[in-house]
N, C-alpha and C. Protein backbone atom coordinates (compact mmCIF):
# COMPACT_ATOMS: atom_id res chain seq x y z
N MET A 1 54.27 16.46 -7.72
CA MET A 1 55.12 17.60 -8.12
C MET A 1 56.25 17.09 -9.03
N ASN A 2 56.41 17.73 -10.20
CA ASN A 2 57.45 17.28 -11.12
C ASN A 2 58.77 17.97 -10.81
N ILE A 3 59.78 17.58 -11.57
CA ILE A 3 61.13 18.08 -11.27
C ILE A 3 61.25 19.57 -11.56
N GLU A 4 60.49 20.09 -12.53
CA GLU A 4 60.54 21.52 -12.83
C GLU A 4 60.03 22.35 -11.66
N GLU A 5 59.00 21.85 -10.96
CA GLU A 5 58.45 22.58 -9.83
C GLU A 5 59.33 22.46 -8.60
N MET A 6 60.00 21.32 -8.43
CA MET A 6 60.83 21.11 -7.25
C MET A 6 62.16 21.85 -7.35
N VAL A 7 62.74 21.89 -8.54
CA VAL A 7 64.03 22.57 -8.74
C VAL A 7 63.88 23.52 -9.92
N PRO A 8 63.32 24.71 -9.71
CA PRO A 8 63.08 25.61 -10.84
C PRO A 8 64.34 26.12 -11.50
N GLU A 9 65.51 26.10 -10.78
CA GLU A 9 66.72 26.62 -11.40
C GLU A 9 67.24 25.72 -12.51
N LEU A 10 66.72 24.48 -12.61
CA LEU A 10 67.15 23.60 -13.70
C LEU A 10 66.52 24.01 -15.02
N PHE A 11 65.39 24.68 -14.94
CA PHE A 11 64.65 25.03 -16.14
C PHE A 11 64.23 26.48 -16.06
N GLU A 12 64.00 27.06 -17.18
CA GLU A 12 63.61 28.46 -17.22
C GLU A 12 62.71 28.67 -18.43
N GLU A 13 61.63 29.39 -18.24
CA GLU A 13 60.72 29.70 -19.33
C GLU A 13 60.96 31.13 -19.78
N LEU A 14 61.22 31.31 -21.05
CA LEU A 14 61.46 32.62 -21.62
C LEU A 14 60.64 32.72 -22.90
N HIS A 15 59.67 33.67 -22.89
CA HIS A 15 58.76 33.85 -24.02
C HIS A 15 58.05 32.53 -24.35
N GLU A 16 57.54 31.87 -23.33
CA GLU A 16 56.77 30.64 -23.46
C GLU A 16 57.60 29.51 -24.06
N LYS A 17 58.90 29.55 -23.89
CA LYS A 17 59.77 28.49 -24.40
C LYS A 17 60.69 28.03 -23.28
N ARG A 18 60.69 26.72 -23.02
CA ARG A 18 61.50 26.17 -21.95
C ARG A 18 62.96 26.09 -22.39
N ILE A 19 63.84 26.51 -21.51
CA ILE A 19 65.28 26.47 -21.79
C ILE A 19 65.92 25.44 -20.87
N TYR A 20 66.68 24.52 -21.44
CA TYR A 20 67.35 23.48 -20.68
C TYR A 20 68.83 23.82 -20.56
N TYR A 21 69.40 23.39 -19.44
CA TYR A 21 70.81 23.66 -19.16
C TYR A 21 71.57 22.35 -19.04
N CYS A 22 72.85 22.43 -19.36
CA CYS A 22 73.72 21.25 -19.29
C CYS A 22 73.81 20.75 -17.85
N GLN A 23 73.43 19.50 -17.63
CA GLN A 23 73.43 18.95 -16.28
C GLN A 23 74.84 18.74 -15.74
N ARG A 24 75.77 18.44 -16.62
CA ARG A 24 77.15 18.26 -16.17
C ARG A 24 77.72 19.59 -15.67
N CYS A 25 77.48 20.66 -16.40
CA CYS A 25 77.97 21.97 -15.97
C CYS A 25 77.28 22.41 -14.68
N LEU A 26 76.00 22.10 -14.54
CA LEU A 26 75.30 22.44 -13.30
C LEU A 26 75.92 21.72 -12.11
N ASN A 27 76.38 20.50 -12.34
CA ASN A 27 77.03 19.76 -11.25
C ASN A 27 78.27 20.48 -10.74
N HIS A 28 78.89 21.28 -11.60
CA HIS A 28 80.13 21.96 -11.23
C HIS A 28 79.94 23.47 -11.08
N GLY A 29 78.69 23.89 -10.88
CA GLY A 29 78.42 25.29 -10.57
C GLY A 29 78.32 26.22 -11.76
N LEU A 30 78.23 25.69 -12.97
CA LEU A 30 78.09 26.52 -14.17
C LEU A 30 76.67 26.42 -14.71
N ARG A 31 76.21 27.48 -15.34
CA ARG A 31 74.85 27.54 -15.89
C ARG A 31 74.95 27.86 -17.38
N ILE A 32 75.00 26.80 -18.20
CA ILE A 32 75.19 26.95 -19.63
C ILE A 32 74.05 26.24 -20.36
N LYS A 33 73.51 26.89 -21.37
CA LYS A 33 72.41 26.30 -22.13
C LYS A 33 72.87 25.03 -22.83
N ARG A 34 71.96 24.07 -22.87
CA ARG A 34 72.31 22.76 -23.41
C ARG A 34 72.37 22.74 -24.93
N LYS A 35 71.66 23.64 -25.57
CA LYS A 35 71.57 23.62 -27.03
C LYS A 35 72.93 23.89 -27.66
N ASN A 36 73.36 23.00 -28.56
CA ASN A 36 74.64 23.11 -29.28
C ASN A 36 75.84 23.20 -28.33
N HIS A 37 75.71 22.58 -27.18
CA HIS A 37 76.77 22.69 -26.17
C HIS A 37 77.51 21.36 -25.96
N LYS A 38 76.96 20.28 -26.44
CA LYS A 38 77.49 18.96 -26.10
C LYS A 38 78.96 18.81 -26.46
N LEU A 39 79.35 19.19 -27.67
CA LEU A 39 80.73 19.00 -28.11
C LEU A 39 81.70 19.94 -27.41
N ASP A 40 81.20 21.07 -26.92
CA ASP A 40 82.07 22.07 -26.29
C ASP A 40 82.08 21.96 -24.77
N CYS A 41 81.34 21.04 -24.20
CA CYS A 41 81.25 20.94 -22.74
C CYS A 41 82.61 20.52 -22.16
N ILE A 42 83.11 21.30 -21.22
CA ILE A 42 84.42 20.99 -20.64
C ILE A 42 84.35 19.80 -19.69
N TYR A 43 83.12 19.43 -19.29
CA TYR A 43 82.95 18.28 -18.39
C TYR A 43 82.35 17.08 -19.15
N ARG A 44 82.58 17.06 -20.44
CA ARG A 44 82.01 16.00 -21.26
C ARG A 44 82.48 14.62 -20.83
N ASN A 45 83.73 14.50 -20.44
CA ASN A 45 84.30 13.22 -20.04
C ASN A 45 84.53 13.12 -18.53
N CYS A 46 83.86 13.98 -17.78
CA CYS A 46 84.02 13.95 -16.33
C CYS A 46 83.45 12.66 -15.75
N SER A 47 84.18 12.05 -14.82
CA SER A 47 83.76 10.77 -14.24
C SER A 47 83.42 10.88 -12.76
N CYS A 48 83.09 12.10 -12.30
CA CYS A 48 82.72 12.24 -10.89
C CYS A 48 81.36 11.59 -10.65
N SER A 49 81.02 11.37 -9.39
CA SER A 49 79.79 10.67 -9.05
C SER A 49 78.55 11.43 -9.52
N ASP A 50 78.60 12.75 -9.49
CA ASP A 50 77.44 13.54 -9.92
C ASP A 50 77.22 13.41 -11.42
N CYS A 51 78.30 13.47 -12.19
CA CYS A 51 78.16 13.32 -13.64
C CYS A 51 77.81 11.88 -14.03
N GLN A 52 78.21 10.92 -13.21
CA GLN A 52 77.81 9.53 -13.47
C GLN A 52 76.30 9.37 -13.33
N MET A 53 75.68 10.12 -12.42
CA MET A 53 74.22 10.07 -12.30
C MET A 53 73.56 10.58 -13.57
N VAL A 54 74.14 11.61 -14.18
CA VAL A 54 73.60 12.14 -15.43
C VAL A 54 73.66 11.08 -16.53
N ASP A 55 74.81 10.41 -16.64
CA ASP A 55 74.96 9.37 -17.66
C ASP A 55 73.97 8.23 -17.43
N ARG A 56 73.84 7.83 -16.18
CA ARG A 56 72.95 6.71 -15.88
C ARG A 56 71.50 7.06 -16.17
N ARG A 57 71.12 8.28 -15.87
CA ARG A 57 69.74 8.69 -16.14
C ARG A 57 69.46 8.72 -17.64
N ARG A 58 70.43 9.15 -18.44
CA ARG A 58 70.26 9.15 -19.89
C ARG A 58 70.15 7.73 -20.42
N GLU A 59 70.92 6.84 -19.85
CA GLU A 59 70.84 5.43 -20.28
C GLU A 59 69.46 4.85 -19.98
N LEU A 60 68.92 5.19 -18.81
CA LEU A 60 67.60 4.67 -18.45
C LEU A 60 66.51 5.26 -19.35
N ASN A 61 66.62 6.54 -19.67
CA ASN A 61 65.64 7.14 -20.58
C ASN A 61 65.68 6.47 -21.95
N SER A 62 66.89 6.22 -22.43
CA SER A 62 67.03 5.56 -23.72
C SER A 62 66.49 4.13 -23.67
N LYS A 63 66.71 3.48 -22.55
CA LYS A 63 66.23 2.10 -22.41
C LYS A 63 64.72 2.03 -22.40
N LEU A 64 64.08 2.99 -21.72
CA LEU A 64 62.62 3.02 -21.70
C LEU A 64 62.05 3.23 -23.09
N MET A 65 62.68 4.08 -23.87
CA MET A 65 62.19 4.34 -25.21
C MET A 65 62.40 3.13 -26.11
N GLN A 66 63.47 2.39 -25.88
CA GLN A 66 63.72 1.21 -26.69
C GLN A 66 62.77 0.08 -26.34
N ILE A 67 62.36 0.00 -25.07
CA ILE A 67 61.49 -1.09 -24.66
C ILE A 67 60.10 -0.95 -25.25
N ASP A 68 59.54 0.22 -25.09
CA ASP A 68 58.14 0.37 -25.49
C ASP A 68 57.91 1.60 -26.35
N GLY A 69 58.83 2.54 -26.38
CA GLY A 69 58.62 3.77 -27.13
C GLY A 69 57.80 4.77 -26.34
N ALA A 70 57.83 5.99 -26.79
CA ALA A 70 57.07 7.05 -26.12
C ALA A 70 55.59 6.86 -26.37
N VAL A 71 54.78 7.16 -25.37
CA VAL A 71 53.33 7.07 -25.49
C VAL A 71 52.85 8.25 -26.32
N SER A 72 52.08 7.97 -27.34
CA SER A 72 51.60 9.04 -28.21
C SER A 72 50.63 9.93 -27.47
N THR A 73 50.76 11.24 -27.68
CA THR A 73 49.90 12.21 -27.04
C THR A 73 48.78 12.60 -27.98
N PRO A 74 47.52 12.66 -27.53
CA PRO A 74 46.42 13.08 -28.40
C PRO A 74 46.68 14.48 -28.96
N SER A 75 46.17 14.71 -30.17
CA SER A 75 46.42 15.99 -30.83
C SER A 75 45.83 17.15 -30.06
N GLY A 76 44.71 16.94 -29.38
CA GLY A 76 44.09 18.02 -28.62
C GLY A 76 44.96 18.48 -27.47
N LEU A 77 45.67 17.55 -26.79
CA LEU A 77 46.53 17.91 -25.68
C LEU A 77 47.86 18.47 -26.15
N ALA A 78 48.29 18.08 -27.35
CA ALA A 78 49.59 18.53 -27.84
C ALA A 78 49.59 20.03 -28.13
N LYS A 79 48.43 20.61 -28.41
CA LYS A 79 48.37 22.03 -28.73
C LYS A 79 48.46 22.90 -27.49
N GLY A 80 48.16 22.35 -26.33
CA GLY A 80 48.16 23.15 -25.11
C GLY A 80 49.56 23.46 -24.64
N LYS A 81 49.68 24.58 -23.91
CA LYS A 81 50.97 25.00 -23.38
C LYS A 81 51.25 24.37 -22.02
N GLU A 82 50.22 23.98 -21.30
CA GLU A 82 50.39 23.45 -19.95
C GLU A 82 50.94 22.03 -20.00
N ARG A 83 51.90 21.76 -19.17
CA ARG A 83 52.49 20.43 -19.08
C ARG A 83 51.70 19.61 -18.06
N ARG A 84 51.21 18.47 -18.49
CA ARG A 84 50.41 17.61 -17.62
C ARG A 84 51.09 16.24 -17.55
N PRO A 85 52.00 16.04 -16.61
CA PRO A 85 52.74 14.78 -16.55
C PRO A 85 51.84 13.61 -16.17
N ASN A 86 52.15 12.47 -16.76
CA ASN A 86 51.41 11.24 -16.49
C ASN A 86 52.29 10.26 -15.74
N CYS A 87 51.67 9.25 -15.15
CA CYS A 87 52.38 8.23 -14.40
C CYS A 87 53.22 7.39 -15.36
N GLN A 88 54.51 7.28 -15.08
CA GLN A 88 55.41 6.54 -15.95
C GLN A 88 55.22 5.04 -15.83
N ARG A 89 54.83 4.57 -14.66
CA ARG A 89 54.57 3.13 -14.52
C ARG A 89 53.38 2.72 -15.39
N CYS A 90 52.32 3.51 -15.32
CA CYS A 90 51.15 3.20 -16.15
C CYS A 90 51.48 3.33 -17.64
N ALA A 91 52.34 4.31 -17.96
CA ALA A 91 52.68 4.52 -19.36
C ALA A 91 53.41 3.31 -19.94
N GLN A 92 54.18 2.61 -19.13
CA GLN A 92 54.89 1.42 -19.61
C GLN A 92 53.93 0.27 -19.91
N HIS A 93 52.70 0.41 -19.42
CA HIS A 93 51.68 -0.63 -19.68
C HIS A 93 50.56 -0.07 -20.55
N ASN A 94 50.88 0.98 -21.32
CA ASN A 94 49.93 1.56 -22.28
C ASN A 94 48.67 2.10 -21.60
N VAL A 95 48.84 2.65 -20.40
CA VAL A 95 47.72 3.26 -19.67
C VAL A 95 48.12 4.70 -19.33
N GLN A 96 47.17 5.61 -19.51
CA GLN A 96 47.44 7.02 -19.20
C GLN A 96 46.67 7.43 -17.94
N ASN A 97 47.41 7.88 -16.95
CA ASN A 97 46.83 8.40 -15.71
C ASN A 97 47.62 9.64 -15.29
N ARG A 98 46.86 10.66 -14.88
CA ARG A 98 47.52 11.87 -14.39
C ARG A 98 48.37 11.53 -13.17
N LEU A 99 49.57 12.11 -13.11
CA LEU A 99 50.50 11.80 -12.03
C LEU A 99 50.06 12.40 -10.70
N LYS A 100 49.43 13.56 -10.73
CA LYS A 100 49.05 14.25 -9.51
C LYS A 100 48.01 13.45 -8.72
N GLY A 101 48.34 13.12 -7.47
CA GLY A 101 47.42 12.38 -6.61
C GLY A 101 47.22 10.93 -7.00
N HIS A 102 48.14 10.37 -7.79
CA HIS A 102 47.95 9.02 -8.33
C HIS A 102 48.90 8.00 -7.71
N LYS A 103 49.88 8.44 -6.95
CA LYS A 103 50.95 7.55 -6.52
C LYS A 103 50.43 6.35 -5.73
N ARG A 104 49.58 6.59 -4.73
CA ARG A 104 49.11 5.49 -3.88
C ARG A 104 48.07 4.62 -4.59
N ALA A 105 47.37 5.20 -5.55
CA ALA A 105 46.33 4.44 -6.24
C ALA A 105 46.81 3.79 -7.53
N CYS A 106 48.10 3.90 -7.82
CA CYS A 106 48.61 3.34 -9.07
C CYS A 106 48.48 1.81 -9.06
N PRO A 107 47.86 1.21 -10.07
CA PRO A 107 47.72 -0.25 -10.10
C PRO A 107 49.04 -0.97 -10.33
N PHE A 108 50.06 -0.25 -10.79
CA PHE A 108 51.37 -0.86 -11.06
C PHE A 108 52.41 -0.38 -10.04
N ARG A 109 51.93 -0.02 -8.87
CA ARG A 109 52.83 0.51 -7.85
C ARG A 109 53.89 -0.50 -7.42
N GLU A 110 53.52 -1.77 -7.32
CA GLU A 110 54.43 -2.84 -6.91
C GLU A 110 54.79 -3.76 -8.07
N CYS A 111 54.64 -3.27 -9.28
CA CYS A 111 54.90 -4.12 -10.44
C CYS A 111 56.39 -4.45 -10.54
N PRO A 112 56.76 -5.74 -10.67
CA PRO A 112 58.17 -6.13 -10.71
C PRO A 112 58.73 -6.27 -12.13
N CYS A 113 57.98 -5.82 -13.14
CA CYS A 113 58.46 -6.01 -14.51
C CYS A 113 59.69 -5.14 -14.77
N ALA A 114 60.41 -5.48 -15.83
CA ALA A 114 61.67 -4.79 -16.13
C ALA A 114 61.44 -3.31 -16.43
N LYS A 115 60.35 -2.99 -17.13
CA LYS A 115 60.10 -1.60 -17.48
C LYS A 115 59.84 -0.75 -16.23
N CYS A 116 59.05 -1.26 -15.31
CA CYS A 116 58.76 -0.51 -14.08
C CYS A 116 60.00 -0.39 -13.20
N GLN A 117 60.86 -1.38 -13.23
CA GLN A 117 62.10 -1.30 -12.45
C GLN A 117 63.02 -0.21 -13.00
N VAL A 118 63.01 -0.06 -14.33
CA VAL A 118 63.79 1.02 -14.93
C VAL A 118 63.23 2.38 -14.49
N VAL A 119 61.90 2.48 -14.43
CA VAL A 119 61.26 3.72 -13.98
C VAL A 119 61.65 4.03 -12.54
N VAL A 120 61.64 3.00 -11.69
CA VAL A 120 62.00 3.20 -10.28
C VAL A 120 63.44 3.69 -10.15
N GLU A 121 64.34 3.08 -10.90
CA GLU A 121 65.75 3.49 -10.81
C GLU A 121 65.93 4.92 -11.31
N ARG A 122 65.21 5.25 -12.37
CA ARG A 122 65.32 6.62 -12.88
C ARG A 122 64.76 7.63 -11.87
N GLN A 123 63.69 7.29 -11.20
CA GLN A 123 63.13 8.19 -10.18
C GLN A 123 64.11 8.41 -9.03
N LYS A 124 64.82 7.34 -8.65
CA LYS A 124 65.81 7.49 -7.58
C LYS A 124 66.95 8.42 -8.02
N LEU A 125 67.38 8.26 -9.27
CA LEU A 125 68.43 9.14 -9.78
C LEU A 125 67.97 10.60 -9.81
N MET A 126 66.73 10.81 -10.22
CA MET A 126 66.19 12.17 -10.25
C MET A 126 66.13 12.76 -8.84
N ALA A 127 65.75 11.94 -7.87
CA ALA A 127 65.71 12.42 -6.48
C ALA A 127 67.10 12.80 -5.99
N ASP A 128 68.11 11.99 -6.36
CA ASP A 128 69.48 12.31 -5.96
C ASP A 128 69.96 13.61 -6.61
N GLN A 129 69.57 13.82 -7.87
CA GLN A 129 69.96 15.06 -8.54
C GLN A 129 69.28 16.28 -7.90
N ILE A 130 68.04 16.11 -7.49
CA ILE A 130 67.33 17.20 -6.82
C ILE A 130 68.02 17.55 -5.51
N LYS A 131 68.44 16.54 -4.75
CA LYS A 131 69.17 16.79 -3.50
C LYS A 131 70.47 17.53 -3.77
N LEU A 132 71.15 17.13 -4.86
CA LEU A 132 72.41 17.78 -5.21
C LEU A 132 72.19 19.25 -5.54
N ARG A 133 71.15 19.55 -6.33
CA ARG A 133 70.89 20.94 -6.70
C ARG A 133 70.53 21.78 -5.46
N ARG A 134 69.75 21.20 -4.58
CA ARG A 134 69.39 21.94 -3.36
C ARG A 134 70.61 22.18 -2.48
N ARG A 135 71.49 21.18 -2.39
CA ARG A 135 72.70 21.35 -1.60
C ARG A 135 73.60 22.43 -2.21
N GLN A 136 73.71 22.45 -3.54
CA GLN A 136 74.51 23.48 -4.20
C GLN A 136 73.92 24.87 -3.95
N LYS A 137 72.61 24.96 -4.00
CA LYS A 137 71.96 26.26 -3.76
C LYS A 137 72.19 26.73 -2.33
N LYS A 138 72.09 25.80 -1.37
CA LYS A 138 72.31 26.16 0.03
C LYS A 138 73.76 26.60 0.27
N GLN A 139 74.71 25.89 -0.34
CA GLN A 139 76.12 26.26 -0.20
C GLN A 139 76.39 27.64 -0.78
N LYS A 140 75.74 27.95 -1.89
CA LYS A 140 75.92 29.26 -2.50
C LYS A 140 75.37 30.37 -1.60
N ILE A 141 74.21 30.12 -0.99
CA ILE A 141 73.63 31.12 -0.09
C ILE A 141 74.49 31.28 1.16
N ASP A 142 74.98 30.16 1.71
CA ASP A 142 75.84 30.24 2.91
C ASP A 142 77.12 31.01 2.61
N LEU A 143 77.70 30.77 1.44
CA LEU A 143 78.92 31.48 1.07
C LEU A 143 78.67 32.98 0.95
N SER A 144 77.55 33.34 0.35
CA SER A 144 77.22 34.76 0.22
C SER A 144 77.03 35.40 1.58
N ASN A 145 76.37 34.68 2.50
CA ASN A 145 76.16 35.22 3.84
C ASN A 145 77.47 35.40 4.59
N ARG A 146 78.40 34.44 4.45
CA ARG A 146 79.69 34.56 5.12
C ARG A 146 80.50 35.74 4.58
N LEU A 147 80.46 35.92 3.26
CA LEU A 147 81.18 37.06 2.67
C LEU A 147 80.58 38.38 3.15
N LEU A 148 79.27 38.42 3.25
CA LEU A 148 78.62 39.65 3.72
C LEU A 148 78.98 39.94 5.16
N GLU A 149 78.98 38.90 6.01
CA GLU A 149 79.35 39.10 7.41
C GLU A 149 80.81 39.53 7.55
N ALA A 150 81.69 38.96 6.71
CA ALA A 150 83.10 39.35 6.76
C ALA A 150 83.29 40.80 6.35
N ASN A 151 82.55 41.25 5.35
CA ASN A 151 82.67 42.65 4.93
C ASN A 151 82.16 43.59 6.00
N VAL A 152 81.07 43.20 6.66
CA VAL A 152 80.52 44.06 7.71
C VAL A 152 81.47 44.12 8.91
N ALA A 153 82.07 42.97 9.27
CA ALA A 153 82.97 42.94 10.42
C ALA A 153 84.27 43.69 10.14
N GLY A 154 84.74 43.67 8.90
CA GLY A 154 86.01 44.33 8.58
C GLY A 154 85.89 45.81 8.34
N ALA A 155 84.68 46.32 8.16
CA ALA A 155 84.51 47.75 7.90
C ALA A 155 84.75 48.54 9.18
N PRO A 156 85.57 49.65 9.13
CA PRO A 156 85.80 50.47 10.34
C PRO A 156 84.54 51.18 10.75
N SER A 157 84.31 51.20 12.06
CA SER A 157 83.12 51.84 12.59
C SER A 157 83.40 53.32 12.77
N SER A 158 82.70 54.18 12.05
CA SER A 158 82.89 55.63 12.13
C SER A 158 81.87 56.21 13.08
N PRO A 159 82.31 57.06 14.03
CA PRO A 159 81.35 57.67 14.95
C PRO A 159 80.46 58.66 14.23
N THR A 160 79.31 58.86 14.76
CA THR A 160 78.37 59.78 14.17
C THR A 160 78.84 61.21 14.38
N ASP A 161 78.21 62.12 13.65
CA ASP A 161 78.61 63.53 13.75
C ASP A 161 78.41 64.07 15.15
N GLY A 162 77.31 63.65 15.78
CA GLY A 162 77.05 64.13 17.13
C GLY A 162 78.10 63.66 18.12
N GLU A 163 78.57 62.38 17.93
CA GLU A 163 79.58 61.84 18.84
C GLU A 163 80.93 62.50 18.61
N GLN A 164 81.22 62.94 17.37
CA GLN A 164 82.50 63.58 17.09
C GLN A 164 82.54 65.01 17.62
N ASP A 165 81.48 65.75 17.45
CA ASP A 165 81.49 67.17 17.78
C ASP A 165 81.28 67.44 19.25
N HIS A 166 80.54 66.55 19.93
CA HIS A 166 80.17 66.84 21.31
C HIS A 166 81.38 66.95 22.24
N PRO A 167 82.36 66.02 22.22
CA PRO A 167 83.51 66.17 23.13
C PRO A 167 84.32 67.42 22.84
N GLN A 168 84.48 67.76 21.54
CA GLN A 168 85.26 68.93 21.22
C GLN A 168 84.58 70.20 21.70
N GLN A 169 83.26 70.23 21.54
CA GLN A 169 82.54 71.40 21.99
C GLN A 169 82.63 71.57 23.49
N SER A 170 82.48 70.45 24.22
CA SER A 170 82.52 70.54 25.67
C SER A 170 83.90 70.94 26.16
N SER A 171 84.98 70.40 25.50
CA SER A 171 86.33 70.76 25.94
C SER A 171 86.65 72.21 25.62
N SER A 172 86.23 72.65 24.42
CA SER A 172 86.49 74.05 24.07
C SER A 172 85.71 74.99 24.96
N ALA A 173 84.50 74.57 25.34
CA ALA A 173 83.71 75.41 26.24
C ALA A 173 84.39 75.52 27.59
N GLY A 174 85.02 74.42 28.04
CA GLY A 174 85.70 74.46 29.33
C GLY A 174 86.94 75.33 29.29
N LEU A 175 87.63 75.34 28.10
CA LEU A 175 88.86 76.13 28.01
C LEU A 175 88.57 77.62 27.91
N HIS A 176 87.50 77.96 27.19
CA HIS A 176 87.22 79.37 26.93
C HIS A 176 86.21 79.96 27.90
N GLU A 177 85.82 79.23 28.91
CA GLU A 177 84.84 79.75 29.86
C GLU A 177 85.51 80.83 30.72
N GLU A 178 84.91 81.96 30.81
CA GLU A 178 85.47 83.09 31.55
C GLU A 178 84.53 83.48 32.68
N HIS A 179 85.10 83.80 33.82
CA HIS A 179 84.30 84.27 34.94
C HIS A 179 83.97 85.74 34.75
N PRO A 180 82.83 86.19 35.21
CA PRO A 180 82.47 87.60 35.07
C PRO A 180 83.45 88.47 35.86
N PRO A 181 83.82 89.63 35.33
CA PRO A 181 84.79 90.50 36.01
C PRO A 181 84.22 91.07 37.30
N LEU A 182 85.08 91.21 38.28
CA LEU A 182 84.67 91.78 39.56
C LEU A 182 84.52 93.29 39.42
N PRO A 183 83.58 93.87 40.14
CA PRO A 183 83.40 95.32 40.07
C PRO A 183 84.65 96.03 40.59
N ALA A 184 84.82 97.25 40.10
CA ALA A 184 85.97 98.06 40.54
C ALA A 184 85.80 98.46 42.00
N PRO A 185 86.89 98.66 42.74
CA PRO A 185 86.79 99.08 44.15
C PRO A 185 86.11 100.44 44.28
N PHE A 186 85.40 100.61 45.40
CA PHE A 186 84.69 101.86 45.67
C PHE A 186 85.68 102.87 46.24
N ASN A 187 85.50 104.10 45.82
CA ASN A 187 86.29 105.22 46.36
C ASN A 187 85.53 105.89 47.49
N VAL A 188 86.06 105.88 48.68
CA VAL A 188 85.44 106.53 49.83
C VAL A 188 86.46 107.50 50.41
N GLY A 189 86.27 108.80 50.12
CA GLY A 189 87.17 109.82 50.65
C GLY A 189 88.61 109.63 50.24
N GLY A 190 88.85 109.22 49.00
CA GLY A 190 90.21 109.05 48.52
C GLY A 190 90.78 107.69 48.78
N SER A 191 90.15 106.86 49.62
CA SER A 191 90.60 105.48 49.87
C SER A 191 89.66 104.52 49.19
N GLN A 192 90.17 103.35 48.89
CA GLN A 192 89.40 102.32 48.20
C GLN A 192 88.99 101.23 49.17
N LEU A 193 87.67 100.94 49.18
CA LEU A 193 87.15 99.81 49.95
C LEU A 193 86.91 98.66 48.99
N ASN A 194 87.48 97.54 49.33
CA ASN A 194 87.33 96.35 48.48
C ASN A 194 85.87 95.91 48.46
N TYR A 195 85.46 95.45 47.28
CA TYR A 195 84.07 95.00 47.13
C TYR A 195 83.78 93.80 48.02
N GLY A 196 84.76 92.96 48.18
CA GLY A 196 84.56 91.80 49.05
C GLY A 196 84.39 92.20 50.50
N GLN A 197 85.08 93.26 50.92
CA GLN A 197 84.94 93.72 52.31
C GLN A 197 83.56 94.27 52.57
N LEU A 198 83.04 95.02 51.60
CA LEU A 198 81.68 95.55 51.76
C LEU A 198 80.66 94.43 51.83
N LEU A 199 80.83 93.42 50.97
CA LEU A 199 79.89 92.30 50.99
C LEU A 199 79.94 91.56 52.30
N SER A 200 81.16 91.37 52.85
CA SER A 200 81.27 90.66 54.13
C SER A 200 80.61 91.43 55.25
N LEU A 201 80.65 92.76 55.17
CA LEU A 201 80.03 93.56 56.22
C LEU A 201 78.52 93.60 56.09
N MET A 202 78.03 93.57 54.81
CA MET A 202 76.60 93.72 54.59
C MET A 202 75.91 92.41 54.28
N ALA A 203 76.60 91.27 54.42
CA ALA A 203 75.99 89.98 54.12
C ALA A 203 74.87 89.69 55.09
N PRO A 204 73.73 89.14 54.62
CA PRO A 204 72.61 88.85 55.52
C PRO A 204 72.96 87.80 56.55
N CYS A 205 73.86 86.88 56.22
CA CYS A 205 74.21 85.81 57.15
C CYS A 205 75.24 86.24 58.18
N ALA A 206 75.73 87.47 58.11
CA ALA A 206 76.75 87.90 59.07
C ALA A 206 76.14 88.03 60.46
N LEU A 207 76.93 87.72 61.48
CA LEU A 207 76.46 87.78 62.86
C LEU A 207 76.51 89.19 63.44
N VAL A 208 77.12 90.14 62.73
CA VAL A 208 77.24 91.52 63.23
C VAL A 208 75.92 92.24 63.03
N ASP A 209 75.55 93.06 63.96
CA ASP A 209 74.30 93.82 63.87
C ASP A 209 74.41 94.81 62.72
N PRO A 210 73.38 94.99 61.91
CA PRO A 210 73.44 95.90 60.77
C PRO A 210 73.78 97.32 61.17
N MET A 211 73.26 97.79 62.29
CA MET A 211 73.55 99.15 62.74
C MET A 211 75.03 99.30 63.07
N THR A 212 75.58 98.25 63.66
CA THR A 212 77.02 98.28 63.97
C THR A 212 77.83 98.37 62.70
N THR A 213 77.41 97.59 61.69
CA THR A 213 78.11 97.63 60.40
C THR A 213 78.03 99.00 59.77
N LEU A 214 76.81 99.61 59.80
CA LEU A 214 76.65 100.93 59.21
C LEU A 214 77.49 101.97 59.94
N ASN A 215 77.50 101.91 61.26
CA ASN A 215 78.31 102.85 62.03
C ASN A 215 79.80 102.69 61.72
N ALA A 216 80.23 101.44 61.54
CA ALA A 216 81.64 101.21 61.23
C ALA A 216 82.00 101.81 59.88
N ILE A 217 81.08 101.67 58.92
CA ILE A 217 81.36 102.24 57.59
C ILE A 217 81.41 103.76 57.65
N LEU A 218 80.45 104.35 58.38
CA LEU A 218 80.43 105.82 58.48
C LEU A 218 81.66 106.34 59.21
N ALA A 219 82.03 105.63 60.29
CA ALA A 219 83.22 106.06 61.03
C ALA A 219 84.47 105.96 60.17
N LEU A 220 84.51 104.87 59.37
CA LEU A 220 85.66 104.70 58.49
C LEU A 220 85.71 105.81 57.45
N SER A 221 84.55 106.19 56.97
CA SER A 221 84.49 107.25 55.96
C SER A 221 84.90 108.59 56.55
N ARG A 222 84.43 108.89 57.76
CA ARG A 222 84.78 110.15 58.38
C ARG A 222 86.26 110.20 58.73
N GLY A 223 86.77 109.07 59.17
CA GLY A 223 88.19 109.04 59.51
C GLY A 223 89.07 109.26 58.30
N ILE A 224 88.64 108.75 57.20
CA ILE A 224 89.45 108.91 55.98
C ILE A 224 89.32 110.32 55.44
N ALA A 225 88.08 110.87 55.59
CA ALA A 225 87.84 112.21 55.03
C ALA A 225 88.51 113.31 55.84
N SER A 226 88.68 113.11 57.17
CA SER A 226 89.28 114.16 58.01
C SER A 226 90.77 114.29 57.72
N PRO A 227 91.37 115.56 57.77
CA PRO A 227 92.80 115.71 57.48
C PRO A 227 93.66 115.17 58.59
């Protein structure tokens, strides 16, 4: 797996054209295109450890080109759009081998020559840069999550419509609840018998005999009606 596949945010393809970004600015959280940017880069003279890795990697690339030069690519492969990386150790010895699945079988895996040592150092620098980019990406995601959690925690919790209306409805119902009106008293011979008295006399649970109750009512009526 090459660096473009491991850290896609370093590179971007737009209309079949790869766009490169300033590595120094990426170290400090900025995403600026590298083209025509070198003289205007605000981190051009930055001496932090991350920017020192960028300088060292450029020195190693320049050194490799000075030692042996770039390996010429056949014209048939140059026309293709697909990038097919080759083993850099083999390339330093004028041998072309596809990088994919070649690491353990590389004949120059333990080669101690100066060119292969430069390749090893450059690979270590690239690995450190990949770790840096991943750490920056993780920090950015963590910061976004913390801000989101803070916004959610600080927002006032509003009760739902049902929770707001239900207590008011129940309280208003309790205040405005009215008991049914009692019937008007009965007129018996010019006197009024209370409705409650009649119910007490005619209640089924009363211990008084019904005939006794009826006789009492009739006697009361006759007594009231007589002059």
